[in-house]
Amino acid sequence: MERVPWTFDRTGSHRALDLANTVSGRLTDRPTDHLSEWQRVIDFAEQTGLVPESEVASWRALQGADPVEAETSLAAVRRLRDALYGVFLAVVEDRPPPAESLAMLNRWIGHMALGPDFEWRCVDAPEAHEAVFMPLVREAVALLTSPERHRVKECGADDCAWLFLDTSKNGSRRWCDMKQCGNRAKARRFHAKHN
């Protein structure tokens, strides 16, 4: 039976934020990690265009071919995810980023160099997964070093905590997803008002 991959929510409107949002229920005592195994990392990479379709099968094969490397890579991608969440949440809350999150992001940045064609390249990366996630890291750095970083917001739903890039004209977006969090928040307000 063919495995049906998890479809990742892309309401972050930016690949780095979408990666940060691969934990649901972050504020609860039972968060759900959607990067539960290496195959889920490749699902994410495939769905966000980080891995070309022609290379997906070889990346998926890593788990069977070298389970230890797949587990190491999974842990590294989760650490990157958590670092991105920490740094972007600090932007939202207008405070300095956590030192460990910034150090992790800088470690990834340290594996990039500008090539003679003025394209960023992954150099000296000790792990193969880093090459896959370098475009996402570059995009995160580009966002963090631009005025657009002030458009990063945290979902207004009490039980969400996902991050998103507010691309609305007037900067008034409140929820990561109006259909999910926005409607739940409106329903709660309605019930509180009428009960």
C-alpha atoms as a PDB file:
ATOM      1  CA  MET A   1       0.000   0.000   0.000  1.00  0.00           C
ATOM      2  CA  GLU A   2       1.378   3.393  -0.974  1.00  0.00           C
ATOM      3  CA  ARG A   3       1.953   5.817   1.873  1.00  0.00           C
ATOM      4  CA  VAL A   4      -0.130   8.968   1.661  1.00  0.00           C
ATOM      5  CA  PRO A   5       2.049  11.895   2.776  1.00  0.00           C
ATOM      6  CA  TRP A   6       0.861  14.424   5.303  1.00  0.00           C
ATOM      7  CA  THR A   7      -0.178  17.627   3.567  1.00  0.00           C
ATOM      8  CA  PHE A   8       1.545  20.464   5.341  1.00  0.00           C
ATOM      9  CA  ASP A   9      -0.305  23.669   6.076  1.00  0.00           C
ATOM     10  CA  ARG A  10       1.233  26.529   4.122  1.00  0.00           C
ATOM     11  CA  THR A  11      -0.635  29.418   5.764  1.00  0.00           C
ATOM     12  CA  GLY A  12       2.638  30.937   6.994  1.00  0.00           C
ATOM     13  CA  SER A  13       2.986  32.542   3.526  1.00  0.00           C
ATOM     14  CA  HIS A  14       6.753  31.928   3.711  1.00  0.00           C
ATOM     15  CA  ARG A  15       8.649  28.616   3.643  1.00  0.00           C
ATOM     16  CA  ALA A  16      10.660  29.408   6.787  1.00  0.00           C
ATOM     17  CA  LEU A  17       7.462  30.175   8.701  1.00  0.00           C
ATOM     18  CA  ASP A  18       5.799  27.070   7.275  1.00  0.00           C
ATOM     19  CA  LEU A  19       8.687  25.018   8.660  1.00  0.00           C
ATOM     20  CA  ALA A  20       8.377  26.770  12.043  1.00  0.00           C
ATOM     21  CA  ASN A  21       4.683  25.836  11.997  1.00  0.00           C
ATOM     22  CA  THR A  22       5.274  22.084  11.715  1.00  0.00           C
ATOM     23  CA  VAL A  23       4.285  21.776  15.377  1.00  0.00           C
ATOM     24  CA  SER A  24       0.570  22.024  16.176  1.00  0.00           C
ATOM     25  CA  GLY A  25      -0.709  22.755  19.649  1.00  0.00           C
ATOM     26  CA  ARG A  26       2.633  24.256  20.666  1.00  0.00           C
ATOM     27  CA  LEU A  27       0.992  25.938  23.672  1.00  0.00           C
ATOM     28  CA  THR A  28      -0.690  22.778  24.927  1.00  0.00           C
ATOM     29  CA  ASP A  29       0.690  19.992  27.071  1.00  0.00           C
ATOM     30  CA  ARG A  30       0.404  17.639  24.058  1.00  0.00           C
ATOM     31  CA  PRO A  31       1.899  19.340  21.000  1.00  0.00           C
ATOM     32  CA  THR A  32       1.925  17.419  17.716  1.00  0.00           C
ATOM     33  CA  ASP A  33       5.209  17.318  15.819  1.00  0.00           C
ATOM     34  CA  HIS A  34       4.427  16.907  12.120  1.00  0.00           C
ATOM     35  CA  LEU A  35       8.094  16.100  11.455  1.00  0.00           C
ATOM     36  CA  SER A  36       7.745  12.784  13.254  1.00  0.00           C
ATOM     37  CA  GLU A  37      10.150  10.921  10.965  1.00  0.00           C
ATOM     38  CA  TRP A  38      12.554  11.539   8.084  1.00  0.00           C
ATOM     39  CA  GLN A  39       9.827  10.746   5.536  1.00  0.00           C
ATOM     40  CA  ARG A  40       7.799  13.699   6.867  1.00  0.00           C
ATOM     41  CA  VAL A  41      10.821  15.975   6.400  1.00  0.00           C
ATOM     42  CA  ILE A  42      10.978  14.891   2.765  1.00  0.00           C
ATOM     43  CA  ASP A  43       7.202  15.361   2.435  1.00  0.00           C
ATOM     44  CA  PHE A  44       7.699  18.946   3.626  1.00  0.00           C
ATOM     45  CA  ALA A  45      10.696  19.486   1.332  1.00  0.00           C
ATOM     46  CA  GLU A  46       8.767  18.101  -1.626  1.00  0.00           C
ATOM     47  CA  GLN A  47       5.588  20.078  -0.945  1.00  0.00           C
ATOM     48  CA  THR A  48       7.497  23.339  -0.526  1.00  0.00           C
ATOM     49  CA  GLY A  49       9.698  22.800  -3.581  1.00  0.00           C
ATOM     50  CA  LEU A  50      12.959  22.395  -1.658  1.00  0.00           C
ATOM     51  CA  VAL A  51      13.599  19.027  -3.283  1.00  0.00           C
ATOM     52  CA  PRO A  52      13.031  18.672  -7.027  1.00  0.00           C
ATOM     53  CA  GLU A  53      10.612  15.897  -7.917  1.00  0.00           C
ATOM     54  CA  SER A  54      13.431  14.035  -9.673  1.00  0.00           C
ATOM     55  CA  GLU A  55      15.382  13.753  -6.384  1.00  0.00           C
ATOM     56  CA  VAL A  56      12.563  12.884  -3.962  1.00  0.00           C
ATOM     57  CA  ALA A  57      12.988   9.109  -4.238  1.00  0.00           C
ATOM     58  CA  SER A  58      16.699   9.239  -3.408  1.00  0.00           C
ATOM     59  CA  TRP A  59      16.068  11.449  -0.366  1.00  0.00           C
ATOM     60  CA  ARG A  60      13.310   9.105   0.808  1.00  0.00           C
ATOM     61  CA  ALA A  61      15.674   6.146   0.471  1.00  0.00           C
ATOM     62  CA  LEU A  62      17.978   7.608   3.126  1.00  0.00           C
ATOM     63  CA  GLN A  63      15.797   6.278   5.941  1.00  0.00           C
ATOM     64  CA  GLY A  64      16.141   2.692   4.739  1.00  0.00           C
ATOM     65  CA  ALA A  65      19.744   2.971   3.547  1.00  0.00           C
ATOM     66  CA  ASP A  66      21.159   4.730   6.599  1.00  0.00           C
ATOM     67  CA  PRO A  67      18.670   4.949   9.484  1.00  0.00           C
ATOM     68  CA  VAL A  68      21.251   6.572  11.767  1.00  0.00           C
ATOM     69  CA  GLU A  69      21.939   9.398   9.286  1.00  0.00           C
ATOM     70  CA  ALA A  70      18.193   9.818   8.703  1.00  0.00           C
ATOM     71  CA  GLU A  71      17.637  10.146  12.472  1.00  0.00           C
ATOM     72  CA  THR A  72      20.537  12.615  12.792  1.00  0.00           C
ATOM     73  CA  SER A  73      19.189  14.655   9.878  1.00  0.00           C
ATOM     74  CA  LEU A  74      15.679  14.617  11.328  1.00  0.00           C
ATOM     75  CA  ALA A  75      16.992  15.958  14.641  1.00  0.00           C
ATOM     76  CA  ALA A  76      18.975  18.686  12.846  1.00  0.00           C
ATOM     77  CA  VAL A  77      15.962  19.842  10.826  1.00  0.00           C
ATOM     78  CA  ARG A  78      13.848  19.935  14.003  1.00  0.00           C
ATOM     79  CA  ARG A  79      16.532  22.079  15.695  1.00  0.00           C
ATOM     80  CA  LEU A  80      16.506  24.422  12.696  1.00  0.00           C
ATOM     81  CA  ARG A  81      12.715  24.559  12.878  1.00  0.00           C
ATOM     82  CA  ASP A  82      12.760  25.418  16.575  1.00  0.00           C
ATOM     83  CA  ALA A  83      15.476  28.045  16.044  1.00  0.00           C
ATOM     84  CA  LEU A  84      13.441  29.702  13.289  1.00  0.00           C
ATOM     85  CA  TYR A  85      10.376  29.701  15.525  1.00  0.00           C
ATOM     86  CA  GLY A  86      12.367  31.276  18.375  1.00  0.00           C
ATOM     87  CA  VAL A  87      13.908  33.977  16.203  1.00  0.00           C
ATOM     88  CA  PHE A  88      10.684  34.900  14.399  1.00  0.00           C
ATOM     89  CA  LEU A  89       8.637  34.876  17.625  1.00  0.00           C
ATOM     90  CA  ALA A  90      11.179  37.313  19.079  1.00  0.00           C
ATOM     91  CA  VAL A  91      10.586  39.559  16.043  1.00  0.00           C
ATOM     92  CA  VAL A  92       6.830  39.386  16.662  1.00  0.00           C
ATOM     93  CA  GLU A  93       7.292  40.203  20.344  1.00  0.00           C
ATOM     94  CA  ASP A  94       9.840  42.957  19.576  1.00  0.00           C
ATOM     95  CA  ARG A  95      12.554  41.487  21.785  1.00  0.00           C
ATOM     96  CA  PRO A  96      16.053  40.111  21.170  1.00  0.00           C
ATOM     97  CA  PRO A  97      16.048  36.558  19.796  1.00  0.00           C
ATOM     98  CA  PRO A  98      17.075  33.703  22.097  1.00  0.00           C
ATOM     99  CA  ALA A  99      20.857  33.312  21.932  1.00  0.00           C
ATOM    100  CA  GLU A 100      20.666  29.577  21.214  1.00  0.00           C
ATOM    101  CA  SER A 101      18.190  30.106  18.351  1.00  0.00           C
ATOM    102  CA  LEU A 102      20.374  32.777  16.797  1.00  0.00           C
ATOM    103  CA  ALA A 103      23.481  30.594  17.214  1.00  0.00           C
ATOM    104  CA  MET A 104      21.742  27.702  15.454  1.00  0.00           C
ATOM    105  CA  LEU A 105      20.668  29.910  12.551  1.00  0.00           C
ATOM    106  CA  ASN A 106      24.182  31.352  12.284  1.00  0.00           C
ATOM    107  CA  ARG A 107      25.634  27.837  12.170  1.00  0.00           C
ATOM    108  CA  TRP A 108      23.496  27.102   9.120  1.00  0.00           C
ATOM    109  CA  ILE A 109      24.374  30.465   7.550  1.00  0.00           C
ATOM    110  CA  GLY A 110      28.051  29.611   8.016  1.00  0.00           C
ATOM    111  CA  HIS A 111      27.699  26.877   5.401  1.00  0.00           C
ATOM    112  CA  MET A 112      26.718  29.348   2.669  1.00  0.00           C
ATOM    113  CA  ALA A 113      28.940  31.220   0.259  1.00  0.00           C
ATOM    114  CA  LEU A 114      28.270  33.458  -2.707  1.00  0.00           C
ATOM    115  CA  GLY A 115      29.454  31.834  -5.934  1.00  0.00           C
ATOM    116  CA  PRO A 116      30.982  33.505  -9.010  1.00  0.00           C
ATOM    117  CA  ASP A 117      27.519  33.578 -10.592  1.00  0.00           C
ATOM    118  CA  PHE A 118      26.258  35.517  -7.522  1.00  0.00           C
ATOM    119  CA  GLU A 119      24.154  32.581  -6.436  1.00  0.00           C
ATOM    120  CA  TRP A 120      24.310  31.267  -2.872  1.00  0.00           C
ATOM    121  CA  ARG A 121      25.858  27.841  -2.569  1.00  0.00           C
ATOM    122  CA  CYS A 122      26.071  25.338   0.240  1.00  0.00           C
ATOM    123  CA  VAL A 123      29.735  24.800   1.146  1.00  0.00           C
ATOM    124  CA  ASP A 124      31.430  22.719   3.821  1.00  0.00           C
ATOM    125  CA  ALA A 125      28.080  21.322   4.969  1.00  0.00           C
ATOM    126  CA  PRO A 126      28.821  18.261   7.076  1.00  0.00           C
ATOM    127  CA  GLU A 127      25.375  16.759   6.531  1.00  0.00           C
ATOM    128  CA  ALA A 128      23.498  16.190   3.271  1.00  0.00           C
ATOM    129  CA  HIS A 129      20.202  17.534   4.663  1.00  0.00           C
ATOM    130  CA  GLU A 130      21.765  20.974   5.012  1.00  0.00           C
ATOM    131  CA  ALA A 131      22.032  21.350   1.241  1.00  0.00           C
ATOM    132  CA  VAL A 132      18.295  20.679   0.945  1.00  0.00           C
ATOM    133  CA  PHE A 133      17.330  23.287   3.539  1.00  0.00           C
ATOM    134  CA  MET A 134      19.798  26.027   2.517  1.00  0.00           C
ATOM    135  CA  PRO A 135      17.300  27.789   0.195  1.00  0.00           C
ATOM    136  CA  LEU A 136      14.861  27.992   3.118  1.00  0.00           C
ATOM    137  CA  VAL A 137      17.602  29.332   5.421  1.00  0.00           C
ATOM    138  CA  ARG A 138      18.533  31.962   2.816  1.00  0.00           C
ATOM    139  CA  GLU A 139      14.878  33.004   2.581  1.00  0.00           C
ATOM    140  CA  ALA A 140      14.649  33.230   6.379  1.00  0.00           C
ATOM    141  CA  VAL A 141      17.741  35.452   6.511  1.00  0.00           C
ATOM    142  CA  ALA A 142      16.405  37.626   3.675  1.00  0.00           C
ATOM    143  CA  LEU A 143      13.154  38.112   5.586  1.00  0.00           C
ATOM    144  CA  LEU A 144      14.884  38.753   8.908  1.00  0.00           C
ATOM    145  CA  THR A 145      17.147  41.403   7.357  1.00  0.00           C
ATOM    146  CA  SER A 146      14.367  43.228   5.516  1.00  0.00           C
ATOM    147  CA  PRO A 147      11.701  45.678   6.686  1.00  0.00           C
ATOM    148  CA  GLU A 148       9.178  42.922   5.873  1.00  0.00           C
ATOM    149  CA  ARG A 149      10.175  41.140   9.113  1.00  0.00           C
ATOM    150  CA  HIS A 150       7.766  43.496  10.895  1.00  0.00           C
ATOM    151  CA  ARG A 151       4.951  41.850   8.938  1.00  0.00           C
ATOM    152  CA  VAL A 152       5.589  38.527  10.687  1.00  0.00           C
ATOM    153  CA  LYS A 153       2.781  37.906  13.154  1.00  0.00           C
ATOM    154  CA  GLU A 154       1.589  35.261  15.559  1.00  0.00           C
ATOM    155  CA  CYS A 155      -1.897  33.844  15.045  1.00  0.00           C
ATOM    156  CA  GLY A 156      -4.469  35.656  17.174  1.00  0.00           C
ATOM    157  CA  ALA A 157      -6.181  32.419  18.231  1.00  0.00           C
ATOM    158  CA  ASP A 158      -5.523  31.591  21.883  1.00  0.00           C
ATOM    159  CA  ASP A 159      -4.696  27.970  21.118  1.00  0.00           C
ATOM    160  CA  CYS A 160      -2.596  28.300  17.967  1.00  0.00           C
ATOM    161  CA  ALA A 161       0.796  30.121  18.157  1.00  0.00           C
ATOM    162  CA  TRP A 162       1.565  29.611  14.459  1.00  0.00           C
ATOM    163  CA  LEU A 163       3.465  32.369  12.697  1.00  0.00           C
ATOM    164  CA  PHE A 164       2.638  33.965   9.368  1.00  0.00           C
ATOM    165  CA  LEU A 165       3.764  36.729   7.055  1.00  0.00           C
ATOM    166  CA  ASP A 166       0.978  39.281   6.819  1.00  0.00           C
ATOM    167  CA  THR A 167       0.831  40.068   3.125  1.00  0.00           C
ATOM    168  CA  SER A 168      -2.454  41.981   3.373  1.00  0.00           C
ATOM    169  CA  LYS A 169      -2.348  45.503   1.988  1.00  0.00           C
ATOM    170  CA  ASN A 170      -3.109  47.217   5.283  1.00  0.00           C
ATOM    171  CA  GLY A 171      -1.340  44.714   7.552  1.00  0.00           C
ATOM    172  CA  SER A 172      -4.555  43.700   9.318  1.00  0.00           C
ATOM    173  CA  ARG A 173      -4.403  39.903   9.086  1.00  0.00           C
ATOM    174  CA  ARG A 174      -5.000  38.373  12.544  1.00  0.00           C
ATOM    175  CA  TRP A 175      -5.068  34.626  12.056  1.00  0.00           C
ATOM    176  CA  CYS A 176      -2.854  32.097  10.353  1.00  0.00           C
ATOM    177  CA  ASP A 177      -5.983  30.794   8.618  1.00  0.00           C
ATOM    178  CA  MET A 178      -9.331  32.560   8.638  1.00  0.00           C
ATOM    179  CA  LYS A 179     -11.220  29.305   7.923  1.00  0.00           C
ATOM    180  CA  GLN A 180      -9.682  27.497  10.893  1.00  0.00           C
ATOM    181  CA  CYS A 181      -8.526  29.834  13.650  1.00  0.00           C
ATOM    182  CA  GLY A 182     -10.483  32.899  12.567  1.00  0.00           C
ATOM    183  CA  ASN A 183     -13.823  31.099  12.439  1.00  0.00           C
ATOM    184  CA  ARG A 184     -13.185  29.362  15.787  1.00  0.00           C
ATOM    185  CA  ALA A 185     -12.360  32.693  17.424  1.00  0.00           C
ATOM    186  CA  LYS A 186     -15.470  34.319  15.964  1.00  0.00           C
ATOM    187  CA  ALA A 187     -17.635  31.395  17.096  1.00  0.00           C
ATOM    188  CA  ARG A 188     -16.243  31.614  20.648  1.00  0.00           C
ATOM    189  CA  ARG A 189     -16.947  35.359  20.777  1.00  0.00           C
ATOM    190  CA  PHE A 190     -20.471  34.784  19.464  1.00  0.00           C
ATOM    191  CA  HIS A 191     -21.213  32.085  22.048  1.00  0.00           C
ATOM    192  CA  ALA A 192     -19.748  34.174  24.876  1.00  0.00           C
ATOM    193  CA  LYS A 193     -21.884  37.128  23.813  1.00  0.00           C
ATOM    194  CA  HIS A 194     -25.118  35.138  23.504  1.00  0.00           C
ATOM    195  CA  ASN A 195     -24.851  32.799  26.477  1.00  0.00           C
END
